[in-house]
Amino acid sequence: MQKYHKVVLNGKVFYREFDDRTGYYGKEILTENQLIQQMLEEIVIDEIKVDHEMIDYAISIIPTSKHKEMVKKYLGYLEMVAESLE
């Protein structure tokens, strides 16, 4: 993963890639938003969209009530974990 130096120029913050091995800077100077976007593009491997209608349908076709309840409880737990991360 690349490393960056934070550069404050006239009160504005920028980031510039720095190679520790060579001691040279990269060509681009990035804003914080640009750097975040670039890093997200490199590290996020997939987007997961939660479709509650599809989830409800999938649960409805589970044959046993016991398994339906187990899945509903687990989904409730996952939603609670996700909300705690916000």
Protein backbone atom coordinates (compact mmCIF):
# COMPACT_ATOMS: atom_id res chain seq x y z
CA MET A 1 0.00 0.00 0.00
CA GLN A 2 1.28 3.44 -0.89
CA LYS A 3 2.32 5.93 1.76
CA TYR A 4 1.57 9.62 1.64
CA HIS A 5 2.89 12.81 3.12
CA LYS A 6 0.38 15.35 4.33
CA VAL A 7 1.24 18.73 2.80
CA VAL A 8 -0.27 21.93 4.23
CA LEU A 9 0.00 24.70 1.66
CA ASN A 10 -1.42 28.12 2.50
CA GLY A 11 -3.68 26.50 5.08
CA LYS A 12 -5.02 23.92 2.62
CA VAL A 13 -4.34 20.21 3.15
CA PHE A 14 -3.08 17.99 0.34
CA TYR A 15 -1.52 14.53 0.14
CA ARG A 16 1.35 13.36 -2.01
CA GLU A 17 2.52 9.80 -2.46
CA PHE A 18 6.00 9.16 -1.10
CA ASP A 19 8.19 6.15 -1.84
CA ASP A 20 10.33 5.29 1.21
CA ARG A 21 12.65 3.11 -0.86
CA THR A 22 13.59 5.75 -3.41
CA GLY A 23 12.92 8.92 -1.42
CA TYR A 24 10.89 10.33 -4.32
CA TYR A 25 7.40 11.74 -4.49
CA GLY A 26 4.69 10.64 -6.89
CA LYS A 27 3.40 13.06 -9.52
CA GLU A 28 -0.12 13.68 -8.18
CA ILE A 29 -1.11 15.99 -5.36
CA LEU A 30 -4.47 14.91 -3.95
CA THR A 31 -7.10 16.48 -1.75
CA GLU A 32 -8.32 14.47 1.22
CA ASN A 33 -11.51 13.51 -0.64
CA GLN A 34 -9.54 12.39 -3.70
CA LEU A 35 -7.21 10.29 -1.54
CA ILE A 36 -10.11 8.67 0.31
CA GLN A 37 -11.87 7.89 -2.98
CA GLN A 38 -8.67 6.41 -4.46
CA MET A 39 -8.08 4.26 -1.38
CA LEU A 40 -11.68 3.02 -1.33
CA GLU A 41 -11.40 2.01 -4.99
CA GLU A 42 -8.30 -0.03 -4.15
CA ILE A 43 -9.53 -1.79 -1.02
CA VAL A 44 -13.30 -2.31 -1.41
CA ILE A 45 -13.81 -5.58 -3.26
CA ASP A 46 -17.60 -5.75 -3.44
CA GLU A 47 -20.77 -3.82 -2.75
CA ILE A 48 -23.51 -5.63 -0.90
CA LYS A 49 -27.01 -4.24 -1.29
CA VAL A 50 -29.60 -5.31 1.26
CA ASP A 51 -33.00 -5.87 -0.33
CA HIS A 52 -35.52 -6.44 2.46
CA GLU A 53 -38.20 -7.67 0.05
CA MET A 54 -35.85 -10.33 -1.31
CA ILE A 55 -34.84 -11.31 2.22
CA ASP A 56 -38.49 -11.62 3.27
CA TYR A 57 -39.19 -13.74 0.18
CA ALA A 58 -36.20 -15.99 0.88
CA ILE A 59 -37.34 -16.49 4.46
CA SER A 60 -40.89 -17.24 3.33
CA ILE A 61 -39.75 -20.22 1.25
CA ILE A 62 -37.83 -21.84 4.12
CA PRO A 63 -39.88 -24.98 4.81
CA THR A 64 -39.80 -25.15 8.63
CA SER A 65 -40.90 -22.53 11.16
CA LYS A 66 -37.93 -23.36 13.37
CA HIS A 67 -35.44 -22.52 10.61
CA LYS A 68 -37.37 -19.38 9.62
CA GLU A 69 -37.17 -18.10 13.21
CA MET A 70 -33.47 -18.97 13.40
CA VAL A 71 -32.76 -16.94 10.25
CA LYS A 72 -34.91 -14.01 11.44
CA LYS A 73 -33.07 -13.90 14.78
CA TYR A 74 -29.70 -14.00 13.04
CA LEU A 75 -30.72 -11.21 10.65
CA GLY A 76 -31.90 -9.15 13.63
CA TYR A 77 -28.51 -9.68 15.24
CA LEU A 78 -26.68 -8.63 12.06
CA GLU A 79 -28.81 -5.48 11.79
CA MET A 80 -28.01 -4.62 15.41
CA VAL A 81 -24.28 -5.07 14.76
CA ALA A 82 -24.47 -2.93 11.60
CA GLU A 83 -26.34 -0.16 13.44
CA SER A 84 -23.74 -0.15 16.22
CA LEU A 85 -21.05 0.60 13.62
CA GLU A 86 -22.79 3.76 12.43
